[in-house]
């Protein structure tokens, strides 16, 4: 199963960064290869936010949509994502946020397996590169938010 991790320190407060990650509908505006998104439900409870959403990912003739269960645990500053449906056999994705003097350390860990074995082999070879591109996109978007505030 492809696994990868990224850790970044981003010049943005934790609250704004978490809001950016939870704003799934805007992903196609700034995440590479994200072609579409749809939020089916979003429930804000006392200590967690629960979201069910689709992401369509692809490039050229290759694209696929997968449905995810997103849980934000407010007391732990942790976002945990698992797959519900789509081309993924397995998905676990964790975002962890720690704030230090107006900056936020973000850890992003992904562990997944595609149903298609051939694509799994291809993804294993390039996944860390792709995850770094996604982290770059979030950092760039966070900087834009700072510039506009």
N, C-alpha and C. Protein backbone atom coordinates (compact mmCIF):
# COMPACT_ATOMS: atom_id res chain seq x y z
N UNK A 1 0.84 -1.18 0.00
CA UNK A 1 0.00 0.00 0.00
C UNK A 1 0.88 1.24 0.00
N UNK A 2 0.61 2.20 -0.89
CA UNK A 2 1.37 3.45 -0.85
C UNK A 2 1.14 4.20 0.46
N UNK A 3 2.24 4.64 1.04
CA UNK A 3 2.18 5.46 2.25
C UNK A 3 3.14 6.62 2.06
N UNK A 4 2.77 7.76 2.61
CA UNK A 4 3.65 8.92 2.54
C UNK A 4 3.29 9.88 3.66
N UNK A 5 4.26 10.70 4.04
CA UNK A 5 4.06 11.70 5.07
C UNK A 5 4.74 12.99 4.66
N UNK A 6 4.14 14.08 5.09
CA UNK A 6 4.71 15.41 4.87
C UNK A 6 4.54 16.19 6.16
N UNK A 7 5.56 16.94 6.53
CA UNK A 7 5.47 17.84 7.68
C UNK A 7 5.93 19.21 7.22
N UNK A 8 5.15 20.22 7.52
CA UNK A 8 5.48 21.60 7.12
C UNK A 8 5.20 22.55 8.27
N UNK A 9 5.96 23.62 8.32
CA UNK A 9 5.63 24.73 9.20
C UNK A 9 5.14 25.85 8.28
N UNK A 10 3.91 26.26 8.51
CA UNK A 10 3.25 27.23 7.64
C UNK A 10 2.98 28.50 8.44
N UNK A 11 3.27 29.62 7.84
CA UNK A 11 3.12 30.92 8.48
C UNK A 11 1.64 31.33 8.48
N UNK A 12 0.86 30.61 9.28
CA UNK A 12 -0.58 30.82 9.33
C UNK A 12 -1.05 30.29 10.68
N UNK A 13 -2.08 30.91 11.26
CA UNK A 13 -2.55 30.37 12.53
C UNK A 13 -3.32 29.07 12.32
N UNK A 14 -3.36 28.27 13.35
CA UNK A 14 -3.93 26.93 13.29
C UNK A 14 -5.40 26.95 12.87
N UNK A 15 -6.18 27.84 13.44
CA UNK A 15 -7.62 27.91 13.15
C UNK A 15 -7.87 28.13 11.66
N UNK A 16 -7.16 29.08 11.05
CA UNK A 16 -7.34 29.37 9.62
C UNK A 16 -6.91 28.18 8.75
N UNK A 17 -5.85 27.52 9.14
CA UNK A 17 -5.35 26.39 8.38
C UNK A 17 -6.33 25.21 8.44
N UNK A 18 -6.89 24.96 9.60
CA UNK A 18 -7.89 23.89 9.74
C UNK A 18 -9.12 24.22 8.89
N UNK A 19 -9.56 25.46 8.93
CA UNK A 19 -10.71 25.87 8.10
C UNK A 19 -10.41 25.66 6.62
N UNK A 20 -9.19 25.94 6.19
CA UNK A 20 -8.80 25.74 4.80
C UNK A 20 -8.90 24.26 4.42
N UNK A 21 -8.40 23.38 5.27
CA UNK A 21 -8.44 21.94 4.99
C UNK A 21 -9.89 21.43 4.98
N UNK A 22 -10.73 21.96 5.84
CA UNK A 22 -12.12 21.51 5.91
C UNK A 22 -13.01 22.12 4.81
N UNK A 23 -12.51 23.11 4.08
CA UNK A 23 -13.28 23.75 3.01
C UNK A 23 -13.10 22.97 1.70
N UNK A 24 -13.59 21.75 1.71
CA UNK A 24 -13.37 20.78 0.64
C UNK A 24 -13.91 21.28 -0.71
N UNK A 25 -14.98 22.03 -0.69
CA UNK A 25 -15.57 22.50 -1.94
C UNK A 25 -14.62 23.40 -2.74
N UNK A 26 -13.64 24.00 -2.08
CA UNK A 26 -12.70 24.88 -2.79
C UNK A 26 -11.44 24.15 -3.30
N UNK A 27 -11.30 22.87 -3.00
CA UNK A 27 -10.10 22.13 -3.42
C UNK A 27 -9.81 22.23 -4.93
N UNK A 28 -10.83 22.14 -5.80
CA UNK A 28 -10.51 22.22 -7.23
C UNK A 28 -9.87 23.55 -7.65
N UNK A 29 -10.02 24.58 -6.83
CA UNK A 29 -9.43 25.89 -7.14
C UNK A 29 -7.92 25.94 -6.93
N UNK A 30 -7.37 25.01 -6.13
CA UNK A 30 -5.94 25.15 -5.84
C UNK A 30 -5.16 23.84 -5.72
N UNK A 31 -5.81 22.70 -5.65
CA UNK A 31 -5.09 21.44 -5.51
C UNK A 31 -4.86 20.82 -6.88
N UNK A 32 -3.60 20.48 -7.19
CA UNK A 32 -3.32 19.87 -8.49
C UNK A 32 -4.07 18.55 -8.66
N UNK A 33 -4.60 18.35 -9.85
CA UNK A 33 -5.31 17.12 -10.24
C UNK A 33 -6.65 16.92 -9.55
N UNK A 34 -7.10 17.90 -8.75
CA UNK A 34 -8.43 17.83 -8.17
C UNK A 34 -9.38 18.52 -9.14
N UNK A 35 -10.23 17.71 -9.79
CA UNK A 35 -11.11 18.22 -10.83
C UNK A 35 -12.48 18.63 -10.33
N UNK A 36 -12.87 18.12 -9.16
CA UNK A 36 -14.18 18.46 -8.64
C UNK A 36 -14.34 17.99 -7.20
N UNK A 37 -15.32 18.58 -6.53
CA UNK A 37 -15.62 18.18 -5.15
C UNK A 37 -17.10 18.43 -4.88
N UNK A 38 -17.63 17.63 -3.99
CA UNK A 38 -19.03 17.79 -3.60
C UNK A 38 -19.16 17.37 -2.15
N UNK A 39 -19.74 18.25 -1.34
CA UNK A 39 -19.99 17.94 0.07
C UNK A 39 -21.45 17.51 0.19
N UNK A 40 -21.65 16.29 0.68
CA UNK A 40 -23.00 15.76 0.85
C UNK A 40 -23.60 16.17 2.18
N UNK A 41 -22.75 16.18 3.22
CA UNK A 41 -23.26 16.58 4.54
C UNK A 41 -22.11 17.14 5.36
N UNK A 42 -22.47 18.07 6.23
CA UNK A 42 -21.51 18.66 7.17
C UNK A 42 -22.26 18.91 8.46
N UNK A 43 -21.79 18.26 9.52
CA UNK A 43 -22.45 18.36 10.81
C UNK A 43 -21.44 18.85 11.84
N UNK A 44 -21.75 19.98 12.46
CA UNK A 44 -20.87 20.57 13.46
C UNK A 44 -21.40 20.22 14.84
N UNK A 45 -20.74 19.29 15.51
CA UNK A 45 -21.13 18.87 16.85
C UNK A 45 -20.26 19.60 17.86
N UNK A 46 -20.50 19.35 19.14
CA UNK A 46 -19.78 20.09 20.17
C UNK A 46 -18.26 19.88 20.09
N UNK A 47 -17.80 18.66 19.85
CA UNK A 47 -16.36 18.45 19.83
C UNK A 47 -15.83 17.90 18.51
N UNK A 48 -16.69 17.83 17.48
CA UNK A 48 -16.21 17.34 16.19
C UNK A 48 -17.06 17.88 15.06
N UNK A 49 -16.45 17.88 13.88
CA UNK A 49 -17.16 18.22 12.66
C UNK A 49 -17.10 16.97 11.79
N UNK A 50 -18.26 16.56 11.29
CA UNK A 50 -18.36 15.36 10.45
C UNK A 50 -18.76 15.78 9.04
N UNK A 51 -18.00 15.34 8.04
CA UNK A 51 -18.26 15.70 6.64
C UNK A 51 -18.24 14.44 5.80
N UNK A 52 -19.17 14.33 4.88
CA UNK A 52 -19.13 13.30 3.84
C UNK A 52 -19.01 14.03 2.52
N UNK A 53 -17.97 13.68 1.75
CA UNK A 53 -17.70 14.44 0.52
C UNK A 53 -17.09 13.55 -0.56
N UNK A 54 -17.27 13.98 -1.80
CA UNK A 54 -16.62 13.37 -2.97
C UNK A 54 -15.49 14.26 -3.44
N UNK A 55 -14.42 13.62 -3.91
CA UNK A 55 -13.37 14.32 -4.64
C UNK A 55 -13.19 13.59 -5.97
N UNK A 56 -13.09 14.36 -7.03
CA UNK A 56 -12.76 13.79 -8.34
C UNK A 56 -11.33 14.18 -8.64
N UNK A 57 -10.50 13.17 -8.83
CA UNK A 57 -9.06 13.36 -9.05
C UNK A 57 -8.73 12.79 -10.42
N UNK A 58 -7.84 13.47 -11.15
CA UNK A 58 -7.44 12.91 -12.44
C UNK A 58 -6.54 13.82 -13.22
N UNK A 59 -6.10 13.27 -14.35
CA UNK A 59 -5.28 14.03 -15.30
C UNK A 59 -5.49 13.39 -16.66
N UNK A 60 -5.71 14.25 -17.65
CA UNK A 60 -5.96 13.74 -18.99
C UNK A 60 -7.18 12.84 -19.01
N UNK A 61 -7.06 11.68 -19.66
CA UNK A 61 -8.22 10.79 -19.77
C UNK A 61 -8.50 10.01 -18.49
N UNK A 62 -7.60 10.08 -17.52
CA UNK A 62 -7.76 9.31 -16.29
C UNK A 62 -8.37 10.18 -15.19
N UNK A 63 -9.53 9.78 -14.72
CA UNK A 63 -10.14 10.48 -13.60
C UNK A 63 -11.05 9.52 -12.86
N UNK A 64 -11.19 9.76 -11.58
CA UNK A 64 -12.04 8.92 -10.76
C UNK A 64 -12.54 9.73 -9.58
N UNK A 65 -13.68 9.32 -9.05
CA UNK A 65 -14.29 10.00 -7.91
C UNK A 65 -14.33 9.04 -6.74
N UNK A 66 -13.96 9.53 -5.59
CA UNK A 66 -14.08 8.71 -4.38
C UNK A 66 -14.78 9.52 -3.29
N UNK A 67 -15.53 8.79 -2.50
CA UNK A 67 -16.30 9.39 -1.41
C UNK A 67 -15.55 9.15 -0.11
N UNK A 68 -15.49 10.18 0.73
CA UNK A 68 -14.75 10.10 1.99
C UNK A 68 -15.59 10.52 3.17
N UNK A 69 -15.21 9.97 4.30
CA UNK A 69 -15.76 10.34 5.59
C UNK A 69 -14.67 11.16 6.29
N UNK A 70 -14.96 12.40 6.58
CA UNK A 70 -13.98 13.32 7.17
C UNK A 70 -14.44 13.66 8.58
N UNK A 71 -13.54 13.46 9.55
CA UNK A 71 -13.87 13.78 10.94
C UNK A 71 -12.80 14.72 11.48
N UNK A 72 -13.25 15.88 11.97
CA UNK A 72 -12.34 16.82 12.62
C UNK A 72 -12.62 16.77 14.12
N UNK A 73 -11.59 16.37 14.88
CA UNK A 73 -11.69 16.31 16.34
C UNK A 73 -11.13 17.61 16.90
N UNK A 74 -12.04 18.47 17.36
CA UNK A 74 -11.66 19.81 17.80
C UNK A 74 -10.69 19.81 18.97
N UNK A 75 -10.85 18.90 19.92
CA UNK A 75 -9.99 18.89 21.10
C UNK A 75 -8.58 18.38 20.80
N UNK A 76 -8.40 17.67 19.69
CA UNK A 76 -7.09 17.11 19.35
C UNK A 76 -6.43 17.81 18.16
N UNK A 77 -7.15 18.75 17.52
CA UNK A 77 -6.67 19.40 16.30
C UNK A 77 -6.23 18.35 15.28
N UNK A 78 -7.10 17.37 15.07
CA UNK A 78 -6.82 16.25 14.20
C UNK A 78 -7.97 16.06 13.21
N UNK A 79 -7.61 15.90 11.94
CA UNK A 79 -8.59 15.57 10.91
C UNK A 79 -8.24 14.16 10.44
N UNK A 80 -9.25 13.29 10.44
CA UNK A 80 -9.05 11.90 10.05
C UNK A 80 -10.01 11.59 8.90
N UNK A 81 -9.47 11.05 7.81
CA UNK A 81 -10.25 10.79 6.60
C UNK A 81 -10.18 9.30 6.27
N UNK A 82 -11.33 8.70 5.98
CA UNK A 82 -11.38 7.33 5.49
C UNK A 82 -12.28 7.28 4.26
N UNK A 83 -12.05 6.27 3.41
CA UNK A 83 -12.87 6.16 2.21
C UNK A 83 -14.18 5.45 2.50
N UNK A 84 -15.19 5.83 1.73
CA UNK A 84 -16.50 5.19 1.81
C UNK A 84 -16.74 4.40 0.53
N UNK A 85 -16.41 5.02 -0.63
CA UNK A 85 -16.71 4.41 -1.91
C UNK A 85 -15.75 4.94 -2.97
N UNK A 86 -15.61 4.20 -4.05
CA UNK A 86 -14.79 4.64 -5.17
C UNK A 86 -13.67 3.66 -5.46
N UNK A 87 -12.60 4.15 -6.12
CA UNK A 87 -11.52 3.26 -6.58
C UNK A 87 -10.57 2.83 -5.47
N UNK A 88 -10.77 3.34 -4.27
CA UNK A 88 -9.87 3.01 -3.17
C UNK A 88 -10.37 1.79 -2.41
N UNK A 89 -9.47 0.87 -2.21
CA UNK A 89 -9.77 -0.29 -1.38
C UNK A 89 -9.64 0.10 0.09
N UNK A 90 -8.71 1.03 0.33
CA UNK A 90 -8.40 1.46 1.70
C UNK A 90 -7.85 2.88 1.65
N UNK A 91 -8.27 3.72 2.60
CA UNK A 91 -7.70 5.06 2.74
C UNK A 91 -7.72 5.46 4.21
N UNK A 92 -6.58 5.88 4.69
CA UNK A 92 -6.48 6.55 5.99
C UNK A 92 -5.58 7.76 5.76
N UNK A 93 -6.10 8.88 6.15
CA UNK A 93 -5.42 10.14 5.91
C UNK A 93 -5.56 10.95 7.20
N UNK A 94 -4.44 11.40 7.77
CA UNK A 94 -4.47 12.16 9.03
C UNK A 94 -3.78 13.50 8.85
N UNK A 95 -4.44 14.53 9.33
CA UNK A 95 -3.87 15.87 9.42
C UNK A 95 -3.74 16.20 10.91
N UNK A 96 -2.56 16.63 11.32
CA UNK A 96 -2.33 17.03 12.70
C UNK A 96 -1.80 18.46 12.71
N UNK A 97 -2.31 19.30 13.58
CA UNK A 97 -1.96 20.72 13.60
C UNK A 97 -1.45 21.13 14.98
N UNK A 98 -0.30 21.82 15.01
CA UNK A 98 0.24 22.35 16.27
C UNK A 98 0.69 23.78 16.01
N UNK A 99 0.20 24.71 16.84
CA UNK A 99 0.53 26.12 16.63
C UNK A 99 1.67 26.56 17.54
N UNK A 100 2.60 27.32 16.95
CA UNK A 100 3.74 27.89 17.67
C UNK A 100 3.91 29.33 17.23
N UNK A 101 3.57 30.28 18.09
CA UNK A 101 3.82 31.71 17.83
C UNK A 101 3.31 32.17 16.46
N UNK A 102 2.05 31.87 16.16
CA UNK A 102 1.45 32.33 14.91
C UNK A 102 1.74 31.45 13.70
N UNK A 103 2.59 30.48 13.86
CA UNK A 103 2.86 29.52 12.78
C UNK A 103 2.27 28.18 13.17
N UNK A 104 2.01 27.35 12.18
CA UNK A 104 1.41 26.05 12.45
C UNK A 104 2.24 24.95 11.81
N UNK A 105 2.56 23.95 12.63
CA UNK A 105 3.21 22.76 12.10
C UNK A 105 2.09 21.80 11.70
N UNK A 106 2.12 21.40 10.44
CA UNK A 106 1.12 20.50 9.91
C UNK A 106 1.80 19.19 9.53
N UNK A 107 1.25 18.09 10.05
CA UNK A 107 1.69 16.76 9.65
C UNK A 107 0.56 16.13 8.85
N UNK A 108 0.89 15.60 7.69
CA UNK A 108 -0.10 15.00 6.81
C UNK A 108 0.39 13.60 6.44
N UNK A 109 -0.34 12.59 6.89
CA UNK A 109 0.04 11.20 6.64
C UNK A 109 -1.07 10.53 5.83
N UNK A 110 -0.66 9.80 4.79
CA UNK A 110 -1.62 9.12 3.93
C UNK A 110 -1.20 7.67 3.76
N UNK A 111 -2.18 6.79 3.88
CA UNK A 111 -1.98 5.36 3.66
C UNK A 111 -3.19 4.91 2.85
N UNK A 112 -2.95 4.39 1.64
CA UNK A 112 -4.08 3.99 0.82
C UNK A 112 -3.72 2.81 -0.07
N UNK A 113 -4.76 2.19 -0.58
CA UNK A 113 -4.59 1.12 -1.55
C UNK A 113 -5.71 1.22 -2.57
N UNK A 114 -5.34 1.22 -3.83
CA UNK A 114 -6.32 1.24 -4.91
C UNK A 114 -6.82 -0.18 -5.16
N UNK A 115 -8.03 -0.28 -5.67
CA UNK A 115 -8.55 -1.60 -6.03
C UNK A 115 -7.78 -2.19 -7.21
N UNK A 116 -7.27 -1.34 -8.09
CA UNK A 116 -6.52 -1.77 -9.27
C UNK A 116 -5.04 -1.97 -8.90
N UNK A 117 -4.56 -3.22 -8.95
CA UNK A 117 -3.18 -3.53 -8.54
C UNK A 117 -2.14 -2.83 -9.40
N UNK A 118 -2.37 -2.75 -10.70
CA UNK A 118 -1.43 -2.10 -11.60
C UNK A 118 -1.26 -0.62 -11.24
N UNK A 119 -2.38 0.06 -11.04
CA UNK A 119 -2.31 1.48 -10.66
C UNK A 119 -1.65 1.65 -9.29
N UNK A 120 -1.85 0.70 -8.40
CA UNK A 120 -1.20 0.74 -7.09
C UNK A 120 0.32 0.77 -7.23
N UNK A 121 0.85 -0.05 -8.12
CA UNK A 121 2.30 -0.09 -8.35
C UNK A 121 2.80 1.26 -8.87
N UNK A 122 2.07 1.81 -9.82
CA UNK A 122 2.45 3.12 -10.38
C UNK A 122 2.40 4.20 -9.30
N UNK A 123 1.32 4.21 -8.51
CA UNK A 123 1.14 5.23 -7.47
C UNK A 123 2.22 5.13 -6.39
N UNK A 124 2.65 3.92 -6.07
CA UNK A 124 3.67 3.74 -5.05
C UNK A 124 4.95 4.47 -5.43
N UNK A 125 5.28 4.46 -6.70
CA UNK A 125 6.53 5.06 -7.17
C UNK A 125 6.50 6.59 -7.18
N UNK A 126 5.31 7.18 -7.33
CA UNK A 126 5.24 8.63 -7.47
C UNK A 126 4.46 9.33 -6.37
N UNK A 127 4.03 8.58 -5.36
CA UNK A 127 3.10 9.15 -4.40
C UNK A 127 3.71 10.23 -3.52
N UNK A 128 4.94 10.05 -3.05
CA UNK A 128 5.56 11.07 -2.20
C UNK A 128 5.67 12.39 -2.96
N UNK A 129 6.03 12.32 -4.23
CA UNK A 129 6.10 13.52 -5.06
C UNK A 129 4.73 14.20 -5.12
N UNK A 130 3.68 13.42 -5.35
CA UNK A 130 2.33 13.98 -5.43
C UNK A 130 1.89 14.58 -4.12
N UNK A 131 2.21 13.92 -3.03
CA UNK A 131 1.84 14.45 -1.71
C UNK A 131 2.56 15.76 -1.42
N UNK A 132 3.81 15.87 -1.82
CA UNK A 132 4.53 17.14 -1.67
C UNK A 132 3.88 18.24 -2.49
N UNK A 133 3.39 17.92 -3.69
CA UNK A 133 2.69 18.92 -4.52
C UNK A 133 1.40 19.39 -3.83
N UNK A 134 0.69 18.46 -3.20
CA UNK A 134 -0.54 18.81 -2.48
C UNK A 134 -0.20 19.71 -1.29
N UNK A 135 0.84 19.36 -0.54
CA UNK A 135 1.26 20.18 0.60
C UNK A 135 1.68 21.57 0.13
N UNK A 136 2.39 21.65 -0.99
CA UNK A 136 2.76 22.95 -1.56
C UNK A 136 1.53 23.78 -1.88
N UNK A 137 0.49 23.13 -2.44
CA UNK A 137 -0.73 23.84 -2.81
C UNK A 137 -1.44 24.40 -1.58
N UNK A 138 -1.51 23.61 -0.51
CA UNK A 138 -2.14 24.11 0.72
C UNK A 138 -1.34 25.26 1.31
N UNK A 139 -0.02 25.16 1.29
CA UNK A 139 0.82 26.22 1.83
C UNK A 139 0.66 27.51 1.02
N UNK A 140 0.64 27.38 -0.28
CA UNK A 140 0.45 28.55 -1.16
C UNK A 140 -0.92 29.19 -0.92
N UNK A 141 -1.96 28.35 -0.76
CA UNK A 141 -3.31 28.88 -0.51
C UNK A 141 -3.38 29.56 0.85
N UNK A 142 -2.72 28.99 1.86
CA UNK A 142 -2.68 29.61 3.19
C UNK A 142 -2.00 30.97 3.12
N UNK A 143 -0.93 31.08 2.34
CA UNK A 143 -0.24 32.36 2.17
C UNK A 143 -1.14 33.39 1.48
N UNK A 144 -1.95 32.96 0.54
CA UNK A 144 -2.89 33.87 -0.13
C UNK A 144 -3.91 34.40 0.87
N UNK A 145 -4.37 33.52 1.76
CA UNK A 145 -5.33 33.94 2.79
C UNK A 145 -4.70 35.00 3.69
N UNK A 146 -3.45 34.78 4.07
CA UNK A 146 -2.72 35.76 4.91
C UNK A 146 -2.57 37.09 4.19
N UNK A 147 -2.23 37.03 2.90
CA UNK A 147 -2.03 38.26 2.12
C UNK A 147 -3.31 39.07 2.00
N UNK A 148 -4.47 38.38 2.00
CA UNK A 148 -5.75 39.06 1.84
C UNK A 148 -6.37 39.50 3.16
N UNK A 149 -5.74 39.15 4.30
CA UNK A 149 -6.35 39.55 5.57
C UNK A 149 -5.72 40.78 6.15
